[in-house]
Structure formats: C-alpha cells, structure tokens
Amino acid sequence: MADECFGHPRLAAIYDPLDPDRSDLNAYLRMAEGFGAHQVLDIGCGTGVFALLLADRGIEVVGIDPAAASIDVARAKPGSEHFQRGH
C-alpha cells in the first residue's frame, strides 16, 4: 500500500522539485557499480530518480511502486519505459 502523500497526483508532481539534491543516492550508485550490476529491480521506485540514474550508467532497470501517481511522474521522464505499478 502506498503512503497517501506519494499517491496523490498533485503531491507526486512536486516531490522532485522539492528535493532536487539527491546526493543521498550516490552511495547506492557506488554499491550497484561495485557489485557489477547489469540489471536492477528498484522496488519502491517512487518518481524514478534512482532508477533513471542507474539507467544513465547503462544498467537495465525495472522500477515498481504501489503509488500510481508517482509512477505517472516517473513514466513522464525521458528513458522511463520500464516503470510499473505494483502492490
């Protein structure tokens, strides 16, 4: 079940602009690279920020999130063909 705030379309649309500095994800990027990951399943991908960072590095990513509004935001981004809504 999605947290209510992430499932609301108006809130999902402003989530990324309100948190533009995602340097917190650098450690996870290094971890994926350190493991030599070629494929990643991003469970709880939200608006797709981390999944798209991985994809930019040539990693095949599928992003899944229970919040339809967050998935809609993720799908609107370039390179976002592998986002799915999941429960």
PDB file of N, CA and C in Angstrom:
ATOM      1  N   MET A   1       0.846  -1.182   0.000  1.00  0.00           N
ATOM      2  CA  MET A   1       0.000   0.000   0.000  1.00  0.00           C
ATOM      3  C   MET A   1       0.888   1.241   0.000  1.00  0.00           C
ATOM      4  N   ALA A   2       0.556   2.190  -0.843  1.00  0.00           N
ATOM      5  CA  ALA A   2       1.332   3.424  -0.961  1.00  0.00           C
ATOM      6  C   ALA A   2       0.990   4.377   0.174  1.00  0.00           C
ATOM      7  N   ASP A   3       2.012   5.116   0.646  1.00  0.00           N
ATOM      8  CA  ASP A   3       1.739   6.198   1.580  1.00  0.00           C
ATOM      9  C   ASP A   3       0.858   7.207   0.860  1.00  0.00           C
ATOM     10  N   GLU A   4      -0.127   7.748   1.560  1.00  0.00           N
ATOM     11  CA  GLU A   4      -1.082   8.646   0.931  1.00  0.00           C
ATOM     12  C   GLU A   4      -0.419   9.817   0.214  1.00  0.00           C
ATOM     13  N   CYS A   5       0.604  10.396   0.814  1.00  0.00           N
ATOM     14  CA  CYS A   5       1.224  11.580   0.216  1.00  0.00           C
ATOM     15  C   CYS A   5       1.871  11.264  -1.127  1.00  0.00           C
ATOM     16  N   PHE A   6       2.360  10.050  -1.319  1.00  0.00           N
ATOM     17  CA  PHE A   6       3.011   9.699  -2.576  1.00  0.00           C
ATOM     18  C   PHE A   6       2.005   9.282  -3.638  1.00  0.00           C
ATOM     19  N   GLY A   7       0.797   8.947  -3.226  1.00  0.00           N
ATOM     20  CA  GLY A   7      -0.220   8.524  -4.162  1.00  0.00           C
ATOM     21  C   GLY A   7      -1.060   9.656  -4.720  1.00  0.00           C
ATOM     22  N   HIS A   8      -0.962  10.831  -4.132  1.00  0.00           N
ATOM     23  CA  HIS A   8      -1.756  11.971  -4.587  1.00  0.00           C
ATOM     24  C   HIS A   8      -1.070  12.635  -5.777  1.00  0.00           C
ATOM     25  N   PRO A   9      -1.760  12.793  -6.895  1.00  0.00           N
ATOM     26  CA  PRO A   9      -1.122  13.333  -8.105  1.00  0.00           C
ATOM     27  C   PRO A   9      -0.470  14.699  -7.924  1.00  0.00           C
ATOM     28  N   ARG A  10      -1.094  15.606  -7.187  1.00  0.00           N
ATOM     29  CA  ARG A  10      -0.503  16.944  -7.011  1.00  0.00           C
ATOM     30  C   ARG A  10       0.769  16.881  -6.181  1.00  0.00           C
ATOM     31  N   LEU A  11       0.796  16.023  -5.186  1.00  0.00           N
ATOM     32  CA  LEU A  11       1.994  15.908  -4.353  1.00  0.00           C
ATOM     33  C   LEU A  11       3.104  15.166  -5.084  1.00  0.00           C
ATOM     34  N   ALA A  12       2.750  14.130  -5.817  1.00  0.00           N
ATOM     35  CA  ALA A  12       3.762  13.386  -6.573  1.00  0.00           C
ATOM     36  C   ALA A  12       4.446  14.293  -7.592  1.00  0.00           C
ATOM     37  N   ALA A  13       3.689  15.210  -8.173  1.00  0.00           N
ATOM     38  CA  ALA A  13       4.236  16.109  -9.194  1.00  0.00           C
ATOM     39  C   ALA A  13       5.264  17.087  -8.637  1.00  0.00           C
ATOM     40  N   ILE A  14       5.171  17.429  -7.354  1.00  0.00           N
ATOM     41  CA  ILE A  14       6.121  18.399  -6.784  1.00  0.00           C
ATOM     42  C   ILE A  14       7.205  17.744  -5.935  1.00  0.00           C
ATOM     43  N   TYR A  15       7.171  16.435  -5.812  1.00  0.00           N
ATOM     44  CA  TYR A  15       8.141  15.739  -4.965  1.00  0.00           C
ATOM     45  C   TYR A  15       9.580  15.990  -5.416  1.00  0.00           C
ATOM     46  N   ASP A  16       9.870  15.808  -6.695  1.00  0.00           N
ATOM     47  CA  ASP A  16      11.238  16.007  -7.194  1.00  0.00           C
ATOM     48  C   ASP A  16      11.702  17.455  -7.063  1.00  0.00           C
ATOM     49  N   PRO A  17      10.891  18.448  -7.468  1.00  0.00           N
ATOM     50  CA  PRO A  17      11.350  19.835  -7.319  1.00  0.00           C
ATOM     51  C   PRO A  17      11.596  20.246  -5.865  1.00  0.00           C
ATOM     52  N   LEU A  18      10.882  19.641  -4.930  1.00  0.00           N
ATOM     53  CA  LEU A  18      11.085  19.979  -3.521  1.00  0.00           C
ATOM     54  C   LEU A  18      12.319  19.308  -2.929  1.00  0.00           C
ATOM     55  N   ASP A  19      12.857  18.302  -3.616  1.00  0.00           N
ATOM     56  CA  ASP A  19      14.039  17.589  -3.128  1.00  0.00           C
ATOM     57  C   ASP A  19      15.020  17.374  -4.285  1.00  0.00           C
ATOM     58  N   PRO A  20      15.553  18.483  -4.841  1.00  0.00           N
ATOM     59  CA  PRO A  20      16.391  18.351  -6.040  1.00  0.00           C
ATOM     60  C   PRO A  20      17.774  17.757  -5.786  1.00  0.00           C
ATOM     61  N   ASP A  21      18.306  17.901  -4.582  1.00  0.00           N
ATOM     62  CA  ASP A  21      19.637  17.367  -4.281  1.00  0.00           C
ATOM     63  C   ASP A  21      19.509  15.919  -3.848  1.00  0.00           C
ATOM     64  N   ARG A  22      19.779  15.012  -4.754  1.00  0.00           N
ATOM     65  CA  ARG A  22      19.669  13.591  -4.437  1.00  0.00           C
ATOM     66  C   ARG A  22      21.042  12.956  -4.296  1.00  0.00           C
ATOM     67  N   SER A  23      21.976  13.721  -3.720  1.00  0.00           N
ATOM     68  CA  SER A  23      23.314  13.179  -3.480  1.00  0.00           C
ATOM     69  C   SER A  23      23.266  12.010  -2.498  1.00  0.00           C
ATOM     70  N   ASP A  24      22.142  11.858  -1.790  1.00  0.00           N
ATOM     71  CA  ASP A  24      21.980  10.716  -0.890  1.00  0.00           C
ATOM     72  C   ASP A  24      21.987   9.393  -1.653  1.00  0.00           C
ATOM     73  N   LEU A  25      21.763   9.450  -2.946  1.00  0.00           N
ATOM     74  CA  LEU A  25      21.729   8.231  -3.757  1.00  0.00           C
ATOM     75  C   LEU A  25      23.112   7.799  -4.238  1.00  0.00           C
ATOM     76  N   ASN A  26      24.110   8.645  -4.079  1.00  0.00           N
ATOM     77  CA  ASN A  26      25.454   8.324  -4.569  1.00  0.00           C
ATOM     78  C   ASN A  26      26.006   7.032  -3.975  1.00  0.00           C
ATOM     79  N   ALA A  27      25.763   6.805  -2.703  1.00  0.00           N
ATOM     80  CA  ALA A  27      26.259   5.581  -2.057  1.00  0.00           C
ATOM     81  C   ALA A  27      25.630   4.341  -2.699  1.00  0.00           C
ATOM     82  N   TYR A  28      24.355   4.427  -3.042  1.00  0.00           N
ATOM     83  CA  TYR A  28      23.674   3.295  -3.674  1.00  0.00           C
ATOM     84  C   TYR A  28      24.159   3.087  -5.108  1.00  0.00           C
ATOM     85  N   LEU A  29      24.465   4.187  -5.799  1.00  0.00           N
ATOM     86  CA  LEU A  29      25.035   4.066  -7.148  1.00  0.00           C
ATOM     87  C   LEU A  29      26.382   3.362  -7.092  1.00  0.00           C
ATOM     88  N   ARG A  30      27.219   3.773  -6.139  1.00  0.00           N
ATOM     89  CA  ARG A  30      28.529   3.127  -5.985  1.00  0.00           C
ATOM     90  C   ARG A  30      28.369   1.650  -5.635  1.00  0.00           C
ATOM     91  N   MET A  31      27.382   1.338  -4.826  1.00  0.00           N
ATOM     92  CA  MET A  31      27.138  -0.050  -4.443  1.00  0.00           C
ATOM     93  C   MET A  31      26.759  -0.889  -5.670  1.00  0.00           C
ATOM     94  N   ALA A  32      25.849  -0.385  -6.485  1.00  0.00           N
ATOM     95  CA  ALA A  32      25.443  -1.118  -7.691  1.00  0.00           C
ATOM     96  C   ALA A  32      26.627  -1.300  -8.630  1.00  0.00           C
ATOM     97  N   GLU A  33      27.425  -0.259  -8.783  1.00  0.00           N
ATOM     98  CA  GLU A  33      28.605  -0.357  -9.639  1.00  0.00           C
ATOM     99  C   GLU A  33      29.627  -1.321  -9.047  1.00  0.00           C
ATOM    100  N   GLY A  34      29.785  -1.295  -7.731  1.00  0.00           N
ATOM    101  CA  GLY A  34      30.718  -2.194  -7.058  1.00  0.00           C
ATOM    102  C   GLY A  34      30.341  -3.659  -7.208  1.00  0.00           C
ATOM    103  N   PHE A  35      29.046  -3.926  -7.242  1.00  0.00           N
ATOM    104  CA  PHE A  35      28.561  -5.293  -7.449  1.00  0.00           C
ATOM    105  C   PHE A  35      28.637  -5.702  -8.916  1.00  0.00           C
ATOM    106  N   GLY A  36      28.916  -4.746  -9.778  1.00  0.00           N
ATOM    107  CA  GLY A  36      28.931  -5.040 -11.210  1.00  0.00           C
ATOM    108  C   GLY A  36      27.542  -5.326 -11.749  1.00  0.00           C
ATOM    109  N   ALA A  37      26.542  -4.663 -11.167  1.00  0.00           N
ATOM    110  CA  ALA A  37      25.152  -4.913 -11.551  1.00  0.00           C
ATOM    111  C   ALA A  37      24.904  -4.563 -13.011  1.00  0.00           C
ATOM    112  N   HIS A  38      24.216  -5.458 -13.698  1.00  0.00           N
ATOM    113  CA  HIS A  38      23.784  -5.212 -15.073  1.00  0.00           C
ATOM    114  C   HIS A  38      22.273  -5.005 -15.126  1.00  0.00           C
ATOM    115  N   GLN A  39      21.582  -5.527 -14.106  1.00  0.00           N
ATOM    116  CA  GLN A  39      20.133  -5.405 -14.010  1.00  0.00           C
ATOM    117  C   GLN A  39      19.776  -5.101 -12.560  1.00  0.00           C
ATOM    118  N   VAL A  40      18.798  -4.205 -12.373  1.00  0.00           N
ATOM    119  CA  VAL A  40      18.339  -3.856 -11.031  1.00  0.00           C
ATOM    120  C   VAL A  40      16.819  -3.775 -11.043  1.00  0.00           C
ATOM    121  N   LEU A  41      16.201  -4.329 -10.014  1.00  0.00           N
ATOM    122  CA  LEU A  41      14.775  -4.161  -9.772  1.00  0.00           C
ATOM    123  C   LEU A  41      14.651  -3.142  -8.648  1.00  0.00           C
ATOM    124  N   ASP A  42      14.147  -1.961  -8.960  1.00  0.00           N
ATOM    125  CA  ASP A  42      14.004  -0.883  -7.980  1.00  0.00           C
ATOM    126  C   ASP A  42      12.595  -0.948  -7.405  1.00  0.00           C
ATOM    127  N   ILE A  43      12.466  -1.603  -6.257  1.00  0.00           N
ATOM    128  CA  ILE A  43      11.175  -1.754  -5.594  1.00  0.00           C
ATOM    129  C   ILE A  43      10.941  -0.525  -4.730  1.00  0.00           C
ATOM    130  N   GLY A  44       9.823   0.138  -4.962  1.00  0.00           N
ATOM    131  CA  GLY A  44       9.557   1.399  -4.277  1.00  0.00           C
ATOM    132  C   GLY A  44      10.270   2.539  -4.979  1.00  0.00           C
ATOM    133  N   CYS A  45      10.218   2.530  -6.301  1.00  0.00           N
ATOM    134  CA  CYS A  45      11.000   3.479  -7.109  1.00  0.00           C
ATOM    135  C   CYS A  45      10.486   4.904  -7.045  1.00  0.00           C
ATOM    136  N   GLY A  46       9.285   5.110  -6.537  1.00  0.00           N
ATOM    137  CA  GLY A  46       8.750   6.465  -6.452  1.00  0.00           C
ATOM    138  C   GLY A  46       8.692   7.128  -7.813  1.00  0.00           C
ATOM    139  N   THR A  47       9.265   8.321  -7.909  1.00  0.00           N
ATOM    140  CA  THR A  47       9.233   9.081  -9.161  1.00  0.00           C
ATOM    141  C   THR A  47      10.362   8.700 -10.103  1.00  0.00           C
ATOM    142  N   GLY A  48      11.108   7.665  -9.768  1.00  0.00           N
ATOM    143  CA  GLY A  48      12.084   7.097 -10.689  1.00  0.00           C
ATOM    144  C   GLY A  48      13.465   7.708 -10.703  1.00  0.00           C
ATOM    145  N   VAL A  49      13.771   8.570  -9.759  1.00  0.00           N
ATOM    146  CA  VAL A  49      15.065   9.262  -9.769  1.00  0.00           C
ATOM    147  C   VAL A  49      16.225   8.269  -9.756  1.00  0.00           C
ATOM    148  N   PHE A  50      16.229   7.347  -8.808  1.00  0.00           N
ATOM    149  CA  PHE A  50      17.335   6.394  -8.692  1.00  0.00           C
ATOM    150  C   PHE A  50      17.386   5.456  -9.897  1.00  0.00           C
ATOM    151  N   ALA A  51      16.228   4.972 -10.320  1.00  0.00           N
ATOM    152  CA  ALA A  51      16.183   4.063 -11.468  1.00  0.00           C
ATOM    153  C   ALA A  51      16.773   4.719 -12.708  1.00  0.00           C
ATOM    154  N   LEU A  52      16.469   5.982 -12.926  1.00  0.00           N
ATOM    155  CA  LEU A  52      16.990   6.677 -14.103  1.00  0.00           C
ATOM    156  C   LEU A  52      18.481   6.966 -13.971  1.00  0.00           C
ATOM    157  N   LEU A  53      18.959   7.209 -12.760  1.00  0.00           N
ATOM    158  CA  LEU A  53      20.404   7.366 -12.556  1.00  0.00           C
ATOM    159  C   LEU A  53      21.133   6.070 -12.916  1.00  0.00           C
ATOM    160  N   LEU A  54      20.560   4.952 -12.507  1.00  0.00           N
ATOM    161  CA  LEU A  54      21.150   3.656 -12.862  1.00  0.00           C
ATOM    162  C   LEU A  54      21.127   3.445 -14.376  1.00  0.00           C
ATOM    163  N   ALA A  55      19.995   3.743 -14.989  1.00  0.00           N
ATOM    164  CA  ALA A  55      19.862   3.558 -16.439  1.00  0.00           C
ATOM    165  C   ALA A  55      20.866   4.420 -17.201  1.00  0.00           C
ATOM    166  N   ASP A  56      21.123   5.625 -16.692  1.00  0.00           N
ATOM    167  CA  ASP A  56      22.116   6.509 -17.321  1.00  0.00           C
ATOM    168  C   ASP A  56      23.511   5.894 -17.307  1.00  0.00           C
ATOM    169  N   ARG A  57      23.736   4.946 -16.410  1.00  0.00           N
ATOM    170  CA  ARG A  57      25.029   4.267 -16.307  1.00  0.00           C
ATOM    171  C   ARG A  57      25.034   2.937 -17.063  1.00  0.00           C
ATOM    172  N   GLY A  58      24.001   2.715 -17.853  1.00  0.00           N
ATOM    173  CA  GLY A  58      23.951   1.514 -18.680  1.00  0.00           C
ATOM    174  C   GLY A  58      23.383   0.292 -17.992  1.00  0.00           C
ATOM    175  N   ILE A  59      22.801   0.470 -16.820  1.00  0.00           N
ATOM    176  CA  ILE A  59      22.206  -0.646 -16.088  1.00  0.00           C
ATOM    177  C   ILE A  59      20.739  -0.774 -16.501  1.00  0.00           C
ATOM    178  N   GLU A  60      20.310  -1.994 -16.787  1.00  0.00           N
ATOM    179  CA  GLU A  60      18.909  -2.247 -17.128  1.00  0.00           C
ATOM    180  C   GLU A  60      18.094  -2.228 -15.837  1.00  0.00           C
ATOM    181  N   VAL A  61      17.062  -1.390 -15.788  1.00  0.00           N
ATOM    182  CA  VAL A  61      16.302  -1.184 -14.557  1.00  0.00           C
ATOM    183  C   VAL A  61      14.811  -1.348 -14.819  1.00  0.00           C
ATOM    184  N   VAL A  62      14.143  -2.011 -13.877  1.00  0.00           N
ATOM    185  CA  VAL A  62      12.688  -2.023 -13.821  1.00  0.00           C
ATOM    186  C   VAL A  62      12.325  -1.389 -12.488  1.00  0.00           C
ATOM    187  N   GLY A  63      11.493  -0.359 -12.535  1.00  0.00           N
ATOM    188  CA  GLY A  63      11.039   0.317 -11.322  1.00  0.00           C
ATOM    189  C   GLY A  63       9.597  -0.037 -11.029  1.00  0.00           C
ATOM    190  N   ILE A  64       9.320  -0.387  -9.770  1.00  0.00           N
ATOM    191  CA  ILE A  64       7.969  -0.763  -9.342  1.00  0.00           C
ATOM    192  C   ILE A  64       7.604   0.059  -8.113  1.00  0.00           C
ATOM    193  N   ASP A  65       6.379   0.568  -8.088  1.00  0.00           N
ATOM    194  CA  ASP A  65       5.913   1.336  -6.935  1.00  0.00           C
ATOM    195  C   ASP A  65       4.400   1.176  -6.817  1.00  0.00           C
ATOM    196  N   PRO A  66       3.870   1.125  -5.581  1.00  0.00           N
ATOM    197  CA  PRO A  66       2.427   0.993  -5.417  1.00  0.00           C
ATOM    198  C   PRO A  66       1.667   2.300  -5.651  1.00  0.00           C
ATOM    199  N   ALA A  67       2.373   3.428  -5.675  1.00  0.00           N
ATOM    200  CA  ALA A  67       1.717   4.728  -5.833  1.00  0.00           C
ATOM    201  C   ALA A  67       1.594   5.074  -7.316  1.00  0.00           C
ATOM    202  N   ALA A  68       0.382   4.969  -7.839  1.00  0.00           N
ATOM    203  CA  ALA A  68       0.147   5.225  -9.261  1.00  0.00           C
ATOM    204  C   ALA A  68       0.585   6.630  -9.657  1.00  0.00           C
ATOM    205  N   ALA A  69       0.364   7.619  -8.802  1.00  0.00           N
ATOM    206  CA  ALA A  69       0.735   8.996  -9.138  1.00  0.00           C
ATOM    207  C   ALA A  69       2.246   9.141  -9.271  1.00  0.00           C
ATOM    208  N   SER A  70       2.994   8.467  -8.416  1.00  0.00           N
ATOM    209  CA  SER A  70       4.456   8.519  -8.516  1.00  0.00           C
ATOM    210  C   SER A  70       4.933   7.830  -9.788  1.00  0.00           C
ATOM    211  N   ILE A  71       4.325   6.711 -10.127  1.00  0.00           N
ATOM    212  CA  ILE A  71       4.677   6.006 -11.363  1.00  0.00           C
ATOM    213  C   ILE A  71       4.356   6.876 -12.578  1.00  0.00           C
ATOM    214  N   ASP A  72       3.252   7.607 -12.527  1.00  0.00           N
ATOM    215  CA  ASP A  72       2.909   8.504 -13.635  1.00  0.00           C
ATOM    216  C   ASP A  72       3.990   9.558 -13.828  1.00  0.00           C
ATOM    217  N   VAL A  73       4.508  10.107 -12.728  1.00  0.00           N
ATOM    218  CA  VAL A  73       5.596  11.088 -12.812  1.00  0.00           C
ATOM    219  C   VAL A  73       6.834  10.422 -13.403  1.00  0.00           C
ATOM    220  N   ALA A  74       7.159   9.232 -12.927  1.00  0.00           N
ATOM    221  CA  ALA A  74       8.337   8.513 -13.429  1.00  0.00           C
ATOM    222  C   ALA A  74       8.206   8.228 -14.919  1.00  0.00           C
ATOM    223  N   ARG A  75       7.042   7.795 -15.346  1.00  0.00           N
ATOM    224  CA  ARG A  75       6.826   7.449 -16.758  1.00  0.00           C
ATOM    225  C   ARG A  75       6.912   8.661 -17.684  1.00  0.00           C
ATOM    226  N   ALA A  76       6.698   9.848 -17.151  1.00  0.00           N
ATOM    227  CA  ALA A  76       6.749  11.064 -17.967  1.00  0.00           C
ATOM    228  C   ALA A  76       8.186  11.519 -18.235  1.00  0.00           C
ATOM    229  N   LYS A  77       9.148  10.899 -17.573  1.00  0.00           N
ATOM    230  CA  LYS A  77      10.552  11.291 -17.731  1.00  0.00           C
ATOM    231  C   LYS A  77      11.184  10.546 -18.904  1.00  0.00           C
ATOM    232  N   PRO A  78      12.120  11.206 -19.613  1.00  0.00           N
ATOM    233  CA  PRO A  78      12.815  10.519 -20.708  1.00  0.00           C
ATOM    234  C   PRO A  78      13.541   9.268 -20.208  1.00  0.00           C
ATOM    235  N   GLY A  79      13.441   8.192 -20.962  1.00  0.00           N
ATOM    236  CA  GLY A  79      14.118   6.944 -20.616  1.00  0.00           C
ATOM    237  C   GLY A  79      13.382   6.102 -19.600  1.00  0.00           C
ATOM    238  N   SER A  80      12.091   6.330 -19.461  1.00  0.00           N
ATOM    239  CA  SER A  80      11.339   5.718 -18.361  1.00  0.00           C
ATOM    240  C   SER A  80      10.385   4.609 -18.788  1.00  0.00           C
ATOM    241  N   GLU A  81      10.746   3.852 -19.794  1.00  0.00           N
ATOM    242  CA  GLU A  81       9.800   2.864 -20.308  1.00  0.00           C
ATOM    243  C   GLU A  81       9.591   1.642 -19.419  1.00  0.00           C
ATOM    244  N   HIS A  82      10.343   1.482 -18.343  1.00  0.00           N
ATOM    245  CA  HIS A  82      10.241   0.262 -17.532  1.00  0.00           C
ATOM    246  C   HIS A  82       9.729   0.517 -16.113  1.00  0.00           C
ATOM    247  N   PHE A  83       8.753   1.401 -15.973  1.00  0.00           N
ATOM    248  CA  PHE A  83       8.148   1.634 -14.668  1.00  0.00           C
ATOM    249  C   PHE A  83       6.784   0.967 -14.625  1.00  0.00           C
ATOM    250  N   GLN A  84       6.490   0.301 -13.486  1.00  0.00           N
ATOM    251  CA  GLN A  84       5.229  -0.416 -13.337  1.00  0.00           C
ATOM    252  C   GLN A  84       4.629  -0.116 -11.977  1.00  0.00           C
ATOM    253  N   ARG A  85       3.309  -0.141 -11.931  1.00  0.00           N
ATOM    254  CA  ARG A  85       2.635  -0.026 -10.648  1.00  0.00           C
ATOM    255  C   ARG A  85       2.503  -1.421 -10.070  1.00  0.00           C
ATOM    256  N   GLY A  86       2.883  -1.589  -8.820  1.00  0.00           N
ATOM    257  CA  GLY A  86       2.779  -2.881  -8.152  1.00  0.00           C
ATOM    258  C   GLY A  86       2.186  -2.721  -6.771  1.00  0.00           C
ATOM    259  N   HIS A  87       1.627  -3.799  -6.241  1.00  0.00           N
ATOM    260  CA  HIS A  87       1.002  -3.758  -4.912  1.00  0.00           C
ATOM    261  C   HIS A  87       1.842  -4.520  -3.934  1.00  0.00           C
TER     262      HIS A  87
END
